[in-house]
Amino acid sequence: MIDIIHAYYNASHGSDFVYYDESSNRDWWLLLQTHTPAFFIVDDKQYIMPPQSAILYPPYATLHYGAHESYFKNDWIRFYT
């Protein structure tokens, strides 16, 4: 069963937006869908993704993503399984 902690849609941020969290106490999953181009850094490798991309972060993973070339807009949901 999925237990939703928090969800947000059409979250909008400026072109300088970067989210970084390497907290070891984050025990929830994060599903994120972009509406704009974005970068994601996974295992020290950067990926540039087009709009309408999605990524699923497992618990305890380092979260590192942000705007690419323009503002950043996304939907996201944090949940437990």
PDB file of N, CA and C in Angstrom:
ATOM      1  N   MET A   1       0.835  -1.170   0.000  1.00  0.00           N
ATOM      2  CA  MET A   1       0.000   0.000   0.000  1.00  0.00           C
ATOM      3  C   MET A   1       0.889   1.246   0.000  1.00  0.00           C
ATOM      4  N   ILE A   2       0.404   2.293  -0.637  1.00  0.00           N
ATOM      5  CA  ILE A   2       1.136   3.555  -0.689  1.00  0.00           C
ATOM      6  C   ILE A   2       0.531   4.525   0.318  1.00  0.00           C
ATOM      7  N   ASP A   3       1.394   5.134   1.104  1.00  0.00           N
ATOM      8  CA  ASP A   3       0.994   6.139   2.081  1.00  0.00           C
ATOM      9  C   ASP A   3       1.584   7.470   1.625  1.00  0.00           C
ATOM     10  N   ILE A   4       0.746   8.366   1.128  1.00  0.00           N
ATOM     11  CA  ILE A   4       1.211   9.645   0.591  1.00  0.00           C
ATOM     12  C   ILE A   4       1.521  10.604   1.737  1.00  0.00           C
ATOM     13  N   ILE A   5       2.703  11.167   1.703  1.00  0.00           N
ATOM     14  CA  ILE A   5       3.138  12.137   2.703  1.00  0.00           C
ATOM     15  C   ILE A   5       2.749  13.542   2.269  1.00  0.00           C
ATOM     16  N   HIS A   6       3.107  13.883   1.030  1.00  0.00           N
ATOM     17  CA  HIS A   6       2.868  15.223   0.517  1.00  0.00           C
ATOM     18  C   HIS A   6       2.931  15.177  -1.002  1.00  0.00           C
ATOM     19  N   ALA A   7       2.133  16.008  -1.648  1.00  0.00           N
ATOM     20  CA  ALA A   7       2.153  16.115  -3.103  1.00  0.00           C
ATOM     21  C   ALA A   7       1.973  17.575  -3.493  1.00  0.00           C
ATOM     22  N   TYR A   8       2.503  17.931  -4.658  1.00  0.00           N
ATOM     23  CA  TYR A   8       2.394  19.300  -5.147  1.00  0.00           C
ATOM     24  C   TYR A   8       2.396  19.249  -6.666  1.00  0.00           C
ATOM     25  N   TYR A   9       1.628  20.139  -7.280  1.00  0.00           N
ATOM     26  CA  TYR A   9       1.614  20.176  -8.740  1.00  0.00           C
ATOM     27  C   TYR A   9       1.855  21.596  -9.225  1.00  0.00           C
ATOM     28  N   ASN A  10       2.423  21.683 -10.426  1.00  0.00           N
ATOM     29  CA  ASN A  10       2.774  22.961 -11.049  1.00  0.00           C
ATOM     30  C   ASN A  10       3.657  23.833 -10.162  1.00  0.00           C
ATOM     31  N   ALA A  11       4.554  23.211  -9.416  1.00  0.00           N
ATOM     32  CA  ALA A  11       5.517  23.976  -8.627  1.00  0.00           C
ATOM     33  C   ALA A  11       6.448  24.705  -9.596  1.00  0.00           C
ATOM     34  N   SER A  12       6.570  25.990  -9.447  1.00  0.00           N
ATOM     35  CA  SER A  12       7.351  26.793 -10.383  1.00  0.00           C
ATOM     36  C   SER A  12       8.500  27.489  -9.656  1.00  0.00           C
ATOM     37  N   HIS A  13       9.680  27.463 -10.286  1.00  0.00           N
ATOM     38  CA  HIS A  13      10.891  28.052  -9.716  1.00  0.00           C
ATOM     39  C   HIS A  13      11.644  28.799 -10.807  1.00  0.00           C
ATOM     40  N   GLY A  14      12.515  29.687 -10.426  1.00  0.00           N
ATOM     41  CA  GLY A  14      13.302  30.471 -11.374  1.00  0.00           C
ATOM     42  C   GLY A  14      14.376  29.659 -12.076  1.00  0.00           C
ATOM     43  N   SER A  15      15.047  30.312 -13.000  1.00  0.00           N
ATOM     44  CA  SER A  15      16.068  29.636 -13.811  1.00  0.00           C
ATOM     45  C   SER A  15      17.299  29.231 -13.004  1.00  0.00           C
ATOM     46  N   ASP A  16      17.451  29.755 -11.802  1.00  0.00           N
ATOM     47  CA  ASP A  16      18.594  29.402 -10.958  1.00  0.00           C
ATOM     48  C   ASP A  16      18.249  28.303  -9.942  1.00  0.00           C
ATOM     49  N   PHE A  17      17.092  27.678 -10.093  1.00  0.00           N
ATOM     50  CA  PHE A  17      16.649  26.676  -9.127  1.00  0.00           C
ATOM     51  C   PHE A  17      17.514  25.416  -9.158  1.00  0.00           C
ATOM     52  N   VAL A  18      18.001  25.019  -7.985  1.00  0.00           N
ATOM     53  CA  VAL A  18      18.723  23.760  -7.797  1.00  0.00           C
ATOM     54  C   VAL A  18      18.242  23.168  -6.476  1.00  0.00           C
ATOM     55  N   TYR A  19      17.869  21.899  -6.497  1.00  0.00           N
ATOM     56  CA  TYR A  19      17.487  21.201  -5.271  1.00  0.00           C
ATOM     57  C   TYR A  19      18.554  20.155  -4.981  1.00  0.00           C
ATOM     58  N   TYR A  20      19.079  20.178  -3.763  1.00  0.00           N
ATOM     59  CA  TYR A  20      20.105  19.223  -3.372  1.00  0.00           C
ATOM     60  C   TYR A  20      19.840  18.780  -1.945  1.00  0.00           C
ATOM     61  N   ASP A  21      19.761  17.473  -1.744  1.00  0.00           N
ATOM     62  CA  ASP A  21      19.522  16.927  -0.403  1.00  0.00           C
ATOM     63  C   ASP A  21      20.186  15.555  -0.331  1.00  0.00           C
ATOM     64  N   GLU A  22      21.165  15.425   0.549  1.00  0.00           N
ATOM     65  CA  GLU A  22      21.822  14.135   0.737  1.00  0.00           C
ATOM     66  C   GLU A  22      21.573  13.591   2.141  1.00  0.00           C
ATOM     67  N   SER A  23      20.475  14.017   2.737  1.00  0.00           N
ATOM     68  CA  SER A  23      20.118  13.604   4.090  1.00  0.00           C
ATOM     69  C   SER A  23      19.973  12.086   4.178  1.00  0.00           C
ATOM     70  N   SER A  24      20.551  11.509   5.212  1.00  0.00           N
ATOM     71  CA  SER A  24      20.480  10.054   5.378  1.00  0.00           C
ATOM     72  C   SER A  24      19.237   9.615   6.143  1.00  0.00           C
ATOM     73  N   ASN A  25      18.410  10.547   6.582  1.00  0.00           N
ATOM     74  CA  ASN A  25      17.217  10.168   7.330  1.00  0.00           C
ATOM     75  C   ASN A  25      15.940  10.270   6.498  1.00  0.00           C
ATOM     76  N   ARG A  26      16.065  10.438   5.202  1.00  0.00           N
ATOM     77  CA  ARG A  26      14.904  10.535   4.319  1.00  0.00           C
ATOM     78  C   ARG A  26      14.461   9.121   3.928  1.00  0.00           C
ATOM     79  N   ASP A  27      13.417   8.645   4.555  1.00  0.00           N
ATOM     80  CA  ASP A  27      12.996   7.257   4.337  1.00  0.00           C
ATOM     81  C   ASP A  27      11.791   7.133   3.406  1.00  0.00           C
ATOM     82  N   TRP A  28      11.513   8.160   2.647  1.00  0.00           N
ATOM     83  CA  TRP A  28      10.385   8.146   1.724  1.00  0.00           C
ATOM     84  C   TRP A  28      10.846   8.133   0.270  1.00  0.00           C
ATOM     85  N   TRP A  29       9.939   7.734  -0.600  1.00  0.00           N
ATOM     86  CA  TRP A  29      10.156   7.755  -2.051  1.00  0.00           C
ATOM     87  C   TRP A  29       9.755   9.127  -2.579  1.00  0.00           C
ATOM     88  N   LEU A  30      10.338   9.528  -3.722  1.00  0.00           N
ATOM     89  CA  LEU A  30       9.953  10.763  -4.399  1.00  0.00           C
ATOM     90  C   LEU A  30       9.744  10.466  -5.880  1.00  0.00           C
ATOM     91  N   LEU A  31       8.542  10.733  -6.361  1.00  0.00           N
ATOM     92  CA  LEU A  31       8.235  10.651  -7.786  1.00  0.00           C
ATOM     93  C   LEU A  31       8.086  12.080  -8.278  1.00  0.00           C
ATOM     94  N   LEU A  32       8.873  12.429  -9.281  1.00  0.00           N
ATOM     95  CA  LEU A  32       8.912  13.798  -9.783  1.00  0.00           C
ATOM     96  C   LEU A  32       8.695  13.783 -11.289  1.00  0.00           C
ATOM     97  N   GLN A  33       7.805  14.642 -11.779  1.00  0.00           N
ATOM     98  CA  GLN A  33       7.590  14.800 -13.219  1.00  0.00           C
ATOM     99  C   GLN A  33       7.837  16.254 -13.575  1.00  0.00           C
ATOM    100  N   THR A  34       8.648  16.491 -14.593  1.00  0.00           N
ATOM    101  CA  THR A  34       8.976  17.854 -15.009  1.00  0.00           C
ATOM    102  C   THR A  34       8.015  18.346 -16.083  1.00  0.00           C
ATOM    103  N   HIS A  35       7.842  19.650 -16.134  1.00  0.00           N
ATOM    104  CA  HIS A  35       7.079  20.305 -17.212  1.00  0.00           C
ATOM    105  C   HIS A  35       8.019  21.104 -18.103  1.00  0.00           C
ATOM    106  N   THR A  36       9.254  21.250 -17.667  1.00  0.00           N
ATOM    107  CA  THR A  36      10.257  22.041 -18.383  1.00  0.00           C
ATOM    108  C   THR A  36      11.555  21.222 -18.452  1.00  0.00           C
ATOM    109  N   PRO A  37      12.493  21.621 -19.309  1.00  0.00           N
ATOM    110  CA  PRO A  37      13.784  20.930 -19.317  1.00  0.00           C
ATOM    111  C   PRO A  37      14.429  20.996 -17.927  1.00  0.00           C
ATOM    112  N   ALA A  38      15.120  19.934 -17.565  1.00  0.00           N
ATOM    113  CA  ALA A  38      15.713  19.865 -16.225  1.00  0.00           C
ATOM    114  C   ALA A  38      17.001  19.057 -16.275  1.00  0.00           C
ATOM    115  N   PHE A  39      17.841  19.266 -15.257  1.00  0.00           N
ATOM    116  CA  PHE A  39      19.006  18.404 -15.097  1.00  0.00           C
ATOM    117  C   PHE A  39      18.799  17.553 -13.850  1.00  0.00           C
ATOM    118  N   PHE A  40      19.343  16.356 -13.894  1.00  0.00           N
ATOM    119  CA  PHE A  40      19.364  15.446 -12.755  1.00  0.00           C
ATOM    120  C   PHE A  40      20.780  14.920 -12.631  1.00  0.00           C
ATOM    121  N   ILE A  41      21.285  14.850 -11.417  1.00  0.00           N
ATOM    122  CA  ILE A  41      22.589  14.239 -11.194  1.00  0.00           C
ATOM    123  C   ILE A  41      22.352  12.977 -10.385  1.00  0.00           C
ATOM    124  N   VAL A  42      22.736  11.858 -10.990  1.00  0.00           N
ATOM    125  CA  VAL A  42      22.558  10.539 -10.375  1.00  0.00           C
ATOM    126  C   VAL A  42      23.900   9.831 -10.408  1.00  0.00           C
ATOM    127  N   ASP A  43      24.369   9.399  -9.256  1.00  0.00           N
ATOM    128  CA  ASP A  43      25.675   8.734  -9.154  1.00  0.00           C
ATOM    129  C   ASP A  43      26.780   9.558  -9.802  1.00  0.00           C
ATOM    130  N   ASP A  44      26.767  10.852  -9.535  1.00  0.00           N
ATOM    131  CA  ASP A  44      27.776  11.809 -10.026  1.00  0.00           C
ATOM    132  C   ASP A  44      27.761  12.016 -11.538  1.00  0.00           C
ATOM    133  N   LYS A  45      26.716  11.577 -12.214  1.00  0.00           N
ATOM    134  CA  LYS A  45      26.598  11.796 -13.651  1.00  0.00           C
ATOM    135  C   LYS A  45      25.393  12.694 -13.912  1.00  0.00           C
ATOM    136  N   GLN A  46      25.602  13.727 -14.742  1.00  0.00           N
ATOM    137  CA  GLN A  46      24.518  14.667 -15.050  1.00  0.00           C
ATOM    138  C   GLN A  46      23.743  14.218 -16.278  1.00  0.00           C
ATOM    139  N   TYR A  47      22.417  14.292 -16.168  1.00  0.00           N
ATOM    140  CA  TYR A  47      21.508  13.977 -17.271  1.00  0.00           C
ATOM    141  C   TYR A  47      20.653  15.207 -17.538  1.00  0.00           C
ATOM    142  N   ILE A  48      20.582  15.627 -18.791  1.00  0.00           N
ATOM    143  CA  ILE A  48      19.703  16.712 -19.200  1.00  0.00           C
ATOM    144  C   ILE A  48      18.466  16.049 -19.796  1.00  0.00           C
ATOM    145  N   MET A  49      17.311  16.370 -19.214  1.00  0.00           N
ATOM    146  CA  MET A  49      16.076  15.700 -19.612  1.00  0.00           C
ATOM    147  C   MET A  49      15.087  16.707 -20.199  1.00  0.00           C
ATOM    148  N   PRO A  50      14.287  16.257 -21.170  1.00  0.00           N
ATOM    149  CA  PRO A  50      13.306  17.148 -21.790  1.00  0.00           C
ATOM    150  C   PRO A  50      12.076  17.314 -20.895  1.00  0.00           C
ATOM    151  N   PRO A  51      11.203  18.241 -21.247  1.00  0.00           N
ATOM    152  CA  PRO A  51       9.947  18.375 -20.509  1.00  0.00           C
ATOM    153  C   PRO A  51       9.179  17.050 -20.507  1.00  0.00           C
ATOM    154  N   GLN A  52       8.352  16.871 -19.502  1.00  0.00           N
ATOM    155  CA  GLN A  52       7.529  15.669 -19.331  1.00  0.00           C
ATOM    156  C   GLN A  52       8.360  14.428 -19.017  1.00  0.00           C
ATOM    157  N   SER A  53       9.503  14.623 -18.405  1.00  0.00           N
ATOM    158  CA  SER A  53      10.316  13.504 -17.929  1.00  0.00           C
ATOM    159  C   SER A  53       9.903  13.177 -16.498  1.00  0.00           C
ATOM    160  N   ALA A  54      10.173  11.953 -16.092  1.00  0.00           N
ATOM    161  CA  ALA A  54       9.864  11.545 -14.722  1.00  0.00           C
ATOM    162  C   ALA A  54      11.059  10.801 -14.141  1.00  0.00           C
ATOM    163  N   ILE A  55      11.199  10.898 -12.838  1.00  0.00           N
ATOM    164  CA  ILE A  55      12.240  10.172 -12.126  1.00  0.00           C
ATOM    165  C   ILE A  55      11.660   9.704 -10.800  1.00  0.00           C
ATOM    166  N   LEU A  56      12.047   8.514 -10.402  1.00  0.00           N
ATOM    167  CA  LEU A  56      11.614   7.947  -9.132  1.00  0.00           C
ATOM    168  C   LEU A  56      12.853   7.759  -8.266  1.00  0.00           C
ATOM    169  N   TYR A  57      12.921   8.524  -7.179  1.00  0.00           N
ATOM    170  CA  TYR A  57      14.038   8.416  -6.244  1.00  0.00           C
ATOM    171  C   TYR A  57      13.653   7.477  -5.106  1.00  0.00           C
ATOM    172  N   PRO A  58      14.486   6.485  -4.810  1.00  0.00           N
ATOM    173  CA  PRO A  58      14.205   5.607  -3.670  1.00  0.00           C
ATOM    174  C   PRO A  58      14.603   6.276  -2.353  1.00  0.00           C
ATOM    175  N   PRO A  59      14.168   5.715  -1.240  1.00  0.00           N
ATOM    176  CA  PRO A  59      14.574   6.258   0.062  1.00  0.00           C
ATOM    177  C   PRO A  59      16.103   6.319   0.180  1.00  0.00           C
ATOM    178  N   TYR A  60      16.574   7.348   0.856  1.00  0.00           N
ATOM    179  CA  TYR A  60      17.988   7.562   1.176  1.00  0.00           C
ATOM    180  C   TYR A  60      18.857   7.957  -0.017  1.00  0.00           C
ATOM    181  N   ALA A  61      18.290   8.069  -1.205  1.00  0.00           N
ATOM    182  CA  ALA A  61      19.061   8.495  -2.380  1.00  0.00           C
ATOM    183  C   ALA A  61      19.353   9.989  -2.279  1.00  0.00           C
ATOM    184  N   THR A  62      20.493  10.405  -2.807  1.00  0.00           N
ATOM    185  CA  THR A  62      20.792  11.827  -2.895  1.00  0.00           C
ATOM    186  C   THR A  62      19.904  12.449  -3.960  1.00  0.00           C
ATOM    187  N   LEU A  63      19.247  13.533  -3.606  1.00  0.00           N
ATOM    188  CA  LEU A  63      18.382  14.255  -4.548  1.00  0.00           C
ATOM    189  C   LEU A  63      19.152  15.464  -5.062  1.00  0.00           C
ATOM    190  N   HIS A  64      19.331  15.527  -6.376  1.00  0.00           N
ATOM    191  CA  HIS A  64      20.067  16.649  -6.964  1.00  0.00           C
ATOM    192  C   HIS A  64      19.504  16.886  -8.359  1.00  0.00           C
ATOM    193  N   TYR A  65      18.751  17.970  -8.491  1.00  0.00           N
ATOM    194  CA  TYR A  65      18.127  18.289  -9.773  1.00  0.00           C
ATOM    195  C   TYR A  65      17.816  19.775  -9.811  1.00  0.00           C
ATOM    196  N   GLY A  66      17.469  20.272 -11.014  1.00  0.00           N
ATOM    197  CA  GLY A  66      17.144  21.687 -11.105  1.00  0.00           C
ATOM    198  C   GLY A  66      16.823  22.139 -12.508  1.00  0.00           C
ATOM    199  N   ALA A  67      16.710  23.458 -12.643  1.00  0.00           N
ATOM    200  CA  ALA A  67      16.353  24.093 -13.909  1.00  0.00           C
ATOM    201  C   ALA A  67      17.478  23.928 -14.929  1.00  0.00           C
ATOM    202  N   HIS A  68      17.076  23.789 -16.176  1.00  0.00           N
ATOM    203  CA  HIS A  68      18.048  23.739 -17.269  1.00  0.00           C
ATOM    204  C   HIS A  68      17.621  24.728 -18.338  1.00  0.00           C
ATOM    205  N   GLU A  69      18.370  25.808 -18.477  1.00  0.00           N
ATOM    206  CA  GLU A  69      18.208  26.841 -19.504  1.00  0.00           C
ATOM    207  C   GLU A  69      17.036  27.795 -19.298  1.00  0.00           C
ATOM    208  N   SER A  70      16.089  27.467 -18.458  1.00  0.00           N
ATOM    209  CA  SER A  70      14.964  28.376 -18.219  1.00  0.00           C
ATOM    210  C   SER A  70      14.390  28.079 -16.840  1.00  0.00           C
ATOM    211  N   TYR A  71      13.202  28.550 -16.572  1.00  0.00           N
ATOM    212  CA  TYR A  71      12.580  28.283 -15.279  1.00  0.00           C
ATOM    213  C   TYR A  71      12.309  26.783 -15.121  1.00  0.00           C
ATOM    214  N   PHE A  72      11.967  26.379 -13.916  1.00  0.00           N
ATOM    215  CA  PHE A  72      11.730  24.968 -13.605  1.00  0.00           C
ATOM    216  C   PHE A  72      10.306  24.804 -13.087  1.00  0.00           C
ATOM    217  N   LYS A  73       9.580  23.856 -13.658  1.00  0.00           N
ATOM    218  CA  LYS A  73       8.211  23.582 -13.233  1.00  0.00           C
ATOM    219  C   LYS A  73       8.032  22.082 -13.144  1.00  0.00           C
ATOM    220  N   ASN A  74       7.421  21.613 -12.041  1.00  0.00           N
ATOM    221  CA  ASN A  74       7.270  20.172 -11.872  1.00  0.00           C
ATOM    222  C   ASN A  74       6.079  19.825 -10.979  1.00  0.00           C
ATOM    223  N   ASP A  75       5.739  18.554 -10.986  1.00  0.00           N
ATOM    224  CA  ASP A  75       4.789  17.943 -10.061  1.00  0.00           C
ATOM    225  C   ASP A  75       5.588  16.909  -9.278  1.00  0.00           C
ATOM    226  N   TRP A  76       5.235  16.710  -8.017  1.00  0.00           N
ATOM    227  CA  TRP A  76       5.954  15.695  -7.245  1.00  0.00           C
ATOM    228  C   TRP A  76       5.067  15.122  -6.150  1.00  0.00           C
ATOM    229  N   ILE A  77       5.457  13.923  -5.732  1.00  0.00           N
ATOM    230  CA  ILE A  77       4.746  13.246  -4.657  1.00  0.00           C
ATOM    231  C   ILE A  77       5.761  12.499  -3.805  1.00  0.00           C
ATOM    232  N   ARG A  78       5.663  12.672  -2.494  1.00  0.00           N
ATOM    233  CA  ARG A  78       6.493  11.928  -1.543  1.00  0.00           C
ATOM    234  C   ARG A  78       5.602  10.871  -0.904  1.00  0.00           C
ATOM    235  N   PHE A  79       6.135   9.653  -0.812  1.00  0.00           N
ATOM    236  CA  PHE A  79       5.289   8.578  -0.281  1.00  0.00           C
ATOM    237  C   PHE A  79       6.121   7.460   0.342  1.00  0.00           C
ATOM    238  N   TYR A  80       5.440   6.669   1.157  1.00  0.00           N
ATOM    239  CA  TYR A  80       5.992   5.437   1.729  1.00  0.00           C
ATOM    240  C   TYR A  80       5.345   4.254   1.036  1.00  0.00           C
ATOM    241  N   THR A  81       6.069   3.134   1.013  1.00  0.00           N
ATOM    242  CA  THR A  81       5.475   1.896   0.493  1.00  0.00           C
ATOM    243  C   THR A  81       5.466   0.839   1.574  1.00  0.00           C
TER     244      THR A  81
END
